[in-house]
N, C-alpha and C. Protein backbone atom coordinates (compact mmCIF):
# COMPACT_ATOMS: atom_id res chain seq x y z
N MET A 1 -64.54 -26.06 7.28
CA MET A 1 -64.80 -24.71 6.84
C MET A 1 -65.04 -24.68 5.34
N ALA A 2 -66.18 -24.14 4.93
CA ALA A 2 -66.48 -23.99 3.50
C ALA A 2 -65.81 -22.73 3.01
N ARG A 3 -65.28 -22.79 1.79
CA ARG A 3 -64.56 -21.64 1.24
C ARG A 3 -64.62 -21.71 -0.28
N TYR A 4 -65.07 -20.61 -0.89
CA TYR A 4 -65.19 -20.55 -2.35
C TYR A 4 -64.56 -19.23 -2.81
N THR A 5 -63.85 -19.28 -3.93
CA THR A 5 -63.16 -18.09 -4.43
C THR A 5 -63.60 -17.77 -5.86
N GLY A 6 -63.56 -16.49 -6.15
CA GLY A 6 -63.89 -16.04 -7.50
C GLY A 6 -62.94 -14.91 -7.91
N PHE A 7 -62.63 -14.85 -9.17
CA PHE A 7 -61.76 -13.82 -9.73
C PHE A 7 -62.53 -13.16 -10.88
N PHE A 8 -62.54 -11.83 -10.87
CA PHE A 8 -63.30 -11.09 -11.86
C PHE A 8 -62.46 -9.94 -12.37
N ILE A 9 -62.57 -9.66 -13.66
CA ILE A 9 -62.01 -8.46 -14.25
C ILE A 9 -63.16 -7.73 -14.89
N VAL A 10 -63.36 -6.47 -14.46
CA VAL A 10 -64.49 -5.69 -14.99
C VAL A 10 -63.98 -4.38 -15.55
N ALA A 11 -64.71 -3.89 -16.52
CA ALA A 11 -64.39 -2.58 -17.11
C ALA A 11 -65.26 -1.54 -16.40
N VAL A 12 -64.62 -0.77 -15.53
CA VAL A 12 -65.31 0.29 -14.78
C VAL A 12 -64.27 1.18 -14.16
N PRO A 13 -64.52 2.47 -14.03
CA PRO A 13 -63.58 3.31 -13.31
C PRO A 13 -63.53 2.91 -11.83
N ILE A 14 -62.36 2.95 -11.25
CA ILE A 14 -62.17 2.47 -9.87
C ILE A 14 -63.06 3.19 -8.86
N ASP A 15 -63.35 4.46 -9.08
CA ASP A 15 -64.17 5.20 -8.13
C ASP A 15 -65.62 4.71 -8.12
N ARG A 16 -66.14 4.25 -9.24
CA ARG A 16 -67.49 3.69 -9.29
C ARG A 16 -67.55 2.25 -8.82
N LEU A 17 -66.44 1.56 -8.89
CA LEU A 17 -66.40 0.15 -8.51
C LEU A 17 -66.76 -0.04 -7.06
N ARG A 18 -66.17 0.70 -6.16
CA ARG A 18 -66.39 0.51 -4.73
C ARG A 18 -67.88 0.67 -4.34
N HIS A 19 -68.48 1.72 -4.88
CA HIS A 19 -69.91 1.96 -4.58
C HIS A 19 -70.77 0.81 -5.09
N SER A 20 -70.47 0.31 -6.28
CA SER A 20 -71.24 -0.79 -6.85
C SER A 20 -71.04 -2.07 -6.06
N LEU A 21 -69.80 -2.32 -5.60
CA LEU A 21 -69.53 -3.52 -4.77
C LEU A 21 -70.32 -3.50 -3.49
N ILE A 22 -70.34 -2.34 -2.85
CA ILE A 22 -71.12 -2.23 -1.58
C ILE A 22 -72.59 -2.50 -1.84
N GLU A 23 -73.13 -1.96 -2.93
CA GLU A 23 -74.53 -2.21 -3.26
C GLU A 23 -74.79 -3.69 -3.52
N ILE A 24 -73.89 -4.34 -4.23
CA ILE A 24 -74.03 -5.78 -4.52
C ILE A 24 -74.03 -6.58 -3.22
N LEU A 25 -73.05 -6.35 -2.37
CA LEU A 25 -72.96 -7.12 -1.14
C LEU A 25 -74.18 -6.88 -0.23
N GLU A 26 -74.62 -5.64 -0.13
CA GLU A 26 -75.82 -5.35 0.69
C GLU A 26 -77.07 -5.98 0.09
N SER A 27 -77.16 -6.04 -1.23
CA SER A 27 -78.33 -6.66 -1.85
C SER A 27 -78.35 -8.18 -1.63
N CYS A 28 -77.18 -8.75 -1.32
CA CYS A 28 -77.09 -10.19 -1.01
C CYS A 28 -77.20 -10.45 0.50
N ASN A 29 -77.74 -9.49 1.25
CA ASN A 29 -77.93 -9.65 2.68
C ASN A 29 -76.65 -9.69 3.48
N LEU A 30 -75.61 -9.01 2.98
CA LEU A 30 -74.32 -8.93 3.66
C LEU A 30 -74.10 -7.51 4.17
N ASP A 31 -73.66 -7.39 5.40
CA ASP A 31 -73.42 -6.10 6.02
C ASP A 31 -71.93 -5.77 5.96
N ILE A 32 -71.58 -4.59 5.47
CA ILE A 32 -70.18 -4.18 5.35
C ILE A 32 -69.62 -3.96 6.76
N ILE A 33 -68.53 -4.65 7.09
CA ILE A 33 -67.92 -4.48 8.41
C ILE A 33 -66.53 -3.90 8.33
N TYR A 34 -65.94 -3.89 7.12
CA TYR A 34 -64.58 -3.38 6.94
C TYR A 34 -64.47 -2.85 5.51
N ASN A 35 -63.98 -1.60 5.40
CA ASN A 35 -63.90 -1.00 4.09
C ASN A 35 -62.67 -0.11 4.01
N THR A 36 -61.67 -0.52 3.25
CA THR A 36 -60.49 0.30 2.99
C THR A 36 -60.45 0.57 1.50
N GLY A 37 -59.43 1.23 1.05
CA GLY A 37 -59.32 1.55 -0.36
C GLY A 37 -59.23 0.34 -1.27
N ASP A 38 -58.60 -0.70 -0.79
CA ASP A 38 -58.39 -1.87 -1.67
C ASP A 38 -59.00 -3.17 -1.17
N SER A 39 -59.81 -3.11 -0.11
CA SER A 39 -60.46 -4.34 0.35
C SER A 39 -61.77 -4.01 1.05
N LEU A 40 -62.66 -4.98 1.00
CA LEU A 40 -63.96 -4.92 1.67
C LEU A 40 -64.17 -6.23 2.40
N MET A 41 -64.85 -6.17 3.54
CA MET A 41 -65.27 -7.36 4.20
C MET A 41 -66.72 -7.16 4.62
N ALA A 42 -67.54 -8.17 4.36
CA ALA A 42 -68.95 -8.11 4.72
C ALA A 42 -69.35 -9.44 5.39
N ARG A 43 -70.32 -9.35 6.26
CA ARG A 43 -70.78 -10.56 6.97
C ARG A 43 -72.30 -10.64 6.84
N GLU A 44 -72.75 -11.86 6.74
CA GLU A 44 -74.18 -12.12 6.65
C GLU A 44 -74.84 -11.75 7.98
N LEU A 45 -76.03 -11.17 7.86
CA LEU A 45 -76.76 -10.77 9.07
C LEU A 45 -77.32 -11.99 9.79
N PRO A 46 -77.19 -12.04 11.11
CA PRO A 46 -77.73 -13.17 11.87
C PRO A 46 -79.24 -13.22 11.81
N GLY A 47 -79.79 -14.41 12.00
CA GLY A 47 -81.22 -14.57 12.08
C GLY A 47 -81.81 -15.52 11.07
N GLN A 48 -81.18 -15.63 9.91
CA GLN A 48 -81.73 -16.53 8.87
C GLN A 48 -81.19 -17.94 8.96
N VAL A 49 -79.93 -18.08 9.39
CA VAL A 49 -79.28 -19.40 9.50
C VAL A 49 -78.55 -19.47 10.83
N SER A 50 -78.10 -20.67 11.19
CA SER A 50 -77.36 -20.85 12.43
C SER A 50 -76.00 -20.15 12.34
N ILE A 51 -75.39 -19.87 13.48
CA ILE A 51 -74.14 -19.13 13.57
C ILE A 51 -73.02 -19.74 12.73
N PRO A 52 -72.78 -21.06 12.75
CA PRO A 52 -71.69 -21.59 11.91
C PRO A 52 -71.92 -21.41 10.40
N LYS A 53 -73.15 -21.24 10.01
CA LYS A 53 -73.46 -21.08 8.58
C LYS A 53 -73.37 -19.64 8.10
N LEU A 54 -73.20 -18.68 9.02
CA LEU A 54 -73.14 -17.27 8.64
C LEU A 54 -71.92 -17.07 7.74
N VAL A 55 -72.12 -16.42 6.63
CA VAL A 55 -71.10 -16.24 5.60
C VAL A 55 -70.37 -14.92 5.76
N THR A 56 -69.07 -14.97 5.51
CA THR A 56 -68.23 -13.78 5.44
C THR A 56 -67.70 -13.68 4.01
N ALA A 57 -67.77 -12.46 3.45
CA ALA A 57 -67.25 -12.20 2.11
C ALA A 57 -66.09 -11.26 2.23
N GLU A 58 -64.98 -11.63 1.58
CA GLU A 58 -63.79 -10.78 1.54
C GLU A 58 -63.54 -10.44 0.07
N VAL A 59 -63.30 -9.14 -0.22
CA VAL A 59 -63.06 -8.68 -1.56
C VAL A 59 -61.73 -7.93 -1.55
N LEU A 60 -60.84 -8.33 -2.45
CA LEU A 60 -59.56 -7.63 -2.62
C LEU A 60 -59.59 -7.02 -4.01
N ILE A 61 -59.39 -5.71 -4.06
CA ILE A 61 -59.34 -4.98 -5.31
C ILE A 61 -57.88 -4.78 -5.63
N GLU A 62 -57.42 -5.31 -6.74
CA GLU A 62 -56.01 -5.24 -7.12
C GLU A 62 -55.76 -3.96 -7.88
N GLN A 63 -55.40 -2.90 -7.16
CA GLN A 63 -55.22 -1.61 -7.79
C GLN A 63 -53.88 -1.52 -8.55
N ASN A 64 -52.87 -2.26 -8.09
CA ASN A 64 -51.57 -2.18 -8.73
C ASN A 64 -51.55 -2.79 -10.11
N THR A 65 -52.44 -3.72 -10.41
CA THR A 65 -52.51 -4.33 -11.76
C THR A 65 -53.69 -3.78 -12.57
N SER A 66 -54.39 -2.83 -12.00
CA SER A 66 -55.57 -2.30 -12.67
C SER A 66 -55.20 -1.04 -13.48
N SER A 67 -55.96 -0.80 -14.51
CA SER A 67 -55.84 0.42 -15.30
C SER A 67 -56.95 1.37 -14.91
N ASP A 68 -57.06 2.50 -15.60
CA ASP A 68 -58.12 3.47 -15.30
C ASP A 68 -59.50 2.93 -15.62
N SER A 69 -59.61 1.99 -16.51
CA SER A 69 -60.91 1.48 -16.91
C SER A 69 -61.10 -0.01 -16.71
N GLU A 70 -60.11 -0.68 -16.14
CA GLU A 70 -60.19 -2.14 -15.94
C GLU A 70 -59.70 -2.50 -14.54
N VAL A 71 -60.49 -3.27 -13.80
CA VAL A 71 -60.16 -3.59 -12.40
C VAL A 71 -60.30 -5.09 -12.19
N ARG A 72 -59.33 -5.65 -11.47
CA ARG A 72 -59.37 -7.06 -11.11
C ARG A 72 -59.79 -7.17 -9.65
N MET A 73 -60.71 -8.09 -9.36
CA MET A 73 -61.18 -8.30 -8.01
C MET A 73 -61.06 -9.80 -7.65
N ASN A 74 -60.68 -10.06 -6.43
CA ASN A 74 -60.64 -11.42 -5.90
C ASN A 74 -61.66 -11.51 -4.78
N PHE A 75 -62.52 -12.50 -4.83
CA PHE A 75 -63.55 -12.72 -3.79
C PHE A 75 -63.25 -14.01 -3.07
N VAL A 76 -63.50 -14.02 -1.76
CA VAL A 76 -63.52 -15.23 -0.97
C VAL A 76 -64.79 -15.20 -0.15
N ILE A 77 -65.60 -16.23 -0.32
CA ILE A 77 -66.84 -16.39 0.46
C ILE A 77 -66.63 -17.60 1.35
N LYS A 78 -66.79 -17.46 2.65
CA LYS A 78 -66.49 -18.57 3.56
C LYS A 78 -67.38 -18.53 4.77
N ASN A 79 -67.45 -19.67 5.45
CA ASN A 79 -68.11 -19.79 6.75
C ASN A 79 -67.50 -20.94 7.51
N GLU A 80 -68.03 -21.20 8.71
CA GLU A 80 -67.49 -22.25 9.57
C GLU A 80 -68.16 -23.60 9.35
N GLU A 81 -69.11 -23.65 8.48
CA GLU A 81 -69.84 -24.88 8.17
C GLU A 81 -68.95 -25.87 7.44
N LEU A 82 -69.02 -27.13 7.82
CA LEU A 82 -68.33 -28.15 7.05
C LEU A 82 -69.10 -28.41 5.79
N PRO A 83 -68.47 -28.37 4.63
CA PRO A 83 -69.19 -28.55 3.35
C PRO A 83 -69.48 -30.02 3.06
N LEU A 84 -70.38 -30.61 3.86
CA LEU A 84 -70.68 -32.03 3.70
C LEU A 84 -71.54 -32.28 2.44
N LYS A 85 -72.26 -31.28 2.00
CA LYS A 85 -73.06 -31.37 0.80
C LYS A 85 -72.52 -30.38 -0.22
N THR A 86 -72.63 -30.68 -1.48
CA THR A 86 -72.16 -29.73 -2.50
C THR A 86 -73.05 -28.50 -2.56
N ASN A 87 -74.30 -28.62 -2.25
CA ASN A 87 -75.23 -27.49 -2.25
C ASN A 87 -75.44 -26.97 -0.83
N ASN A 88 -74.40 -26.50 -0.18
CA ASN A 88 -74.50 -25.99 1.17
C ASN A 88 -74.81 -24.47 1.16
N HIS A 89 -75.04 -23.91 2.34
CA HIS A 89 -75.42 -22.51 2.44
C HIS A 89 -74.31 -21.58 1.91
N CYS A 90 -73.06 -21.90 2.20
CA CYS A 90 -71.95 -21.07 1.73
C CYS A 90 -71.90 -21.08 0.21
N ARG A 91 -72.08 -22.22 -0.40
CA ARG A 91 -72.10 -22.32 -1.86
C ARG A 91 -73.25 -21.53 -2.45
N GLN A 92 -74.40 -21.61 -1.81
CA GLN A 92 -75.56 -20.84 -2.31
C GLN A 92 -75.31 -19.34 -2.26
N MET A 93 -74.68 -18.88 -1.19
CA MET A 93 -74.35 -17.46 -1.07
C MET A 93 -73.27 -17.08 -2.10
N PHE A 94 -72.32 -17.94 -2.31
CA PHE A 94 -71.29 -17.71 -3.32
C PHE A 94 -71.92 -17.56 -4.70
N GLU A 95 -72.85 -18.44 -5.04
CA GLU A 95 -73.53 -18.36 -6.33
C GLU A 95 -74.33 -17.08 -6.44
N LEU A 96 -74.98 -16.65 -5.36
CA LEU A 96 -75.74 -15.43 -5.36
C LEU A 96 -74.86 -14.20 -5.61
N VAL A 97 -73.74 -14.12 -4.89
CA VAL A 97 -72.80 -13.00 -5.05
C VAL A 97 -72.19 -13.02 -6.47
N THR A 98 -71.75 -14.19 -6.90
CA THR A 98 -71.15 -14.32 -8.24
C THR A 98 -72.12 -13.88 -9.33
N GLN A 99 -73.35 -14.32 -9.24
CA GLN A 99 -74.37 -13.95 -10.22
C GLN A 99 -74.63 -12.46 -10.22
N SER A 100 -74.63 -11.87 -9.02
CA SER A 100 -74.86 -10.41 -8.88
C SER A 100 -73.71 -9.64 -9.53
N ILE A 101 -72.50 -10.13 -9.37
CA ILE A 101 -71.34 -9.46 -9.96
C ILE A 101 -71.39 -9.58 -11.49
N MET A 102 -71.71 -10.78 -11.96
CA MET A 102 -71.69 -11.03 -13.39
C MET A 102 -72.79 -10.28 -14.12
N SER A 103 -73.91 -10.03 -13.46
CA SER A 103 -75.04 -9.37 -14.16
C SER A 103 -75.20 -7.89 -13.79
N ASN A 104 -74.22 -7.34 -13.09
CA ASN A 104 -74.31 -5.93 -12.67
C ASN A 104 -74.25 -5.01 -13.90
N ARG A 105 -75.16 -4.07 -13.94
CA ARG A 105 -75.24 -3.18 -15.12
C ARG A 105 -74.30 -2.01 -15.04
N ASN A 106 -73.59 -1.83 -13.91
CA ASN A 106 -72.68 -0.70 -13.74
C ASN A 106 -71.30 -0.95 -14.34
N TRP A 107 -71.05 -2.16 -14.83
CA TRP A 107 -69.78 -2.42 -15.44
C TRP A 107 -69.92 -3.51 -16.51
N LEU A 108 -68.85 -3.68 -17.25
CA LEU A 108 -68.78 -4.72 -18.26
C LEU A 108 -67.88 -5.82 -17.75
N LEU A 109 -68.38 -7.03 -17.64
CA LEU A 109 -67.57 -8.16 -17.17
C LEU A 109 -66.67 -8.61 -18.31
N LEU A 110 -65.33 -8.56 -18.07
CA LEU A 110 -64.39 -8.94 -19.09
C LEU A 110 -63.91 -10.36 -18.93
N GLU A 111 -63.78 -10.78 -17.68
CA GLU A 111 -63.28 -12.15 -17.40
C GLU A 111 -63.75 -12.57 -16.02
N SER A 112 -64.05 -13.87 -15.87
CA SER A 112 -64.43 -14.38 -14.55
C SER A 112 -63.97 -15.83 -14.41
N MET A 113 -63.73 -16.20 -13.18
CA MET A 113 -63.39 -17.58 -12.88
C MET A 113 -63.83 -17.85 -11.44
N ALA A 114 -64.54 -18.93 -11.23
CA ALA A 114 -65.00 -19.29 -9.91
C ALA A 114 -64.47 -20.69 -9.54
N LEU A 115 -63.97 -20.78 -8.33
CA LEU A 115 -63.41 -22.04 -7.85
C LEU A 115 -64.17 -22.52 -6.64
């Protein structure tokens, strides 16, 4: 199972964050399947890659450590594919989502780390 994680701190009001996250995930060809106040889950739409390569994105918004203008997010991008190559489909999707978060114009990126 391929699994990649990212941690981001952005300067944005919490109410605008959720809408922007949904837009980012949908722009990366991910369909929102679960949405609560502090977490999102999205899954890649079938048809482009085989079933084991379909990516799931999980986002945890840490509201208890966030302020009114600063929010910490934890991302996990994973699929059932064995990561036999460093440039696998899950990694490519992780890079796409990470780049979309880092370059989003709706907030100011304060800190990021990708594993």
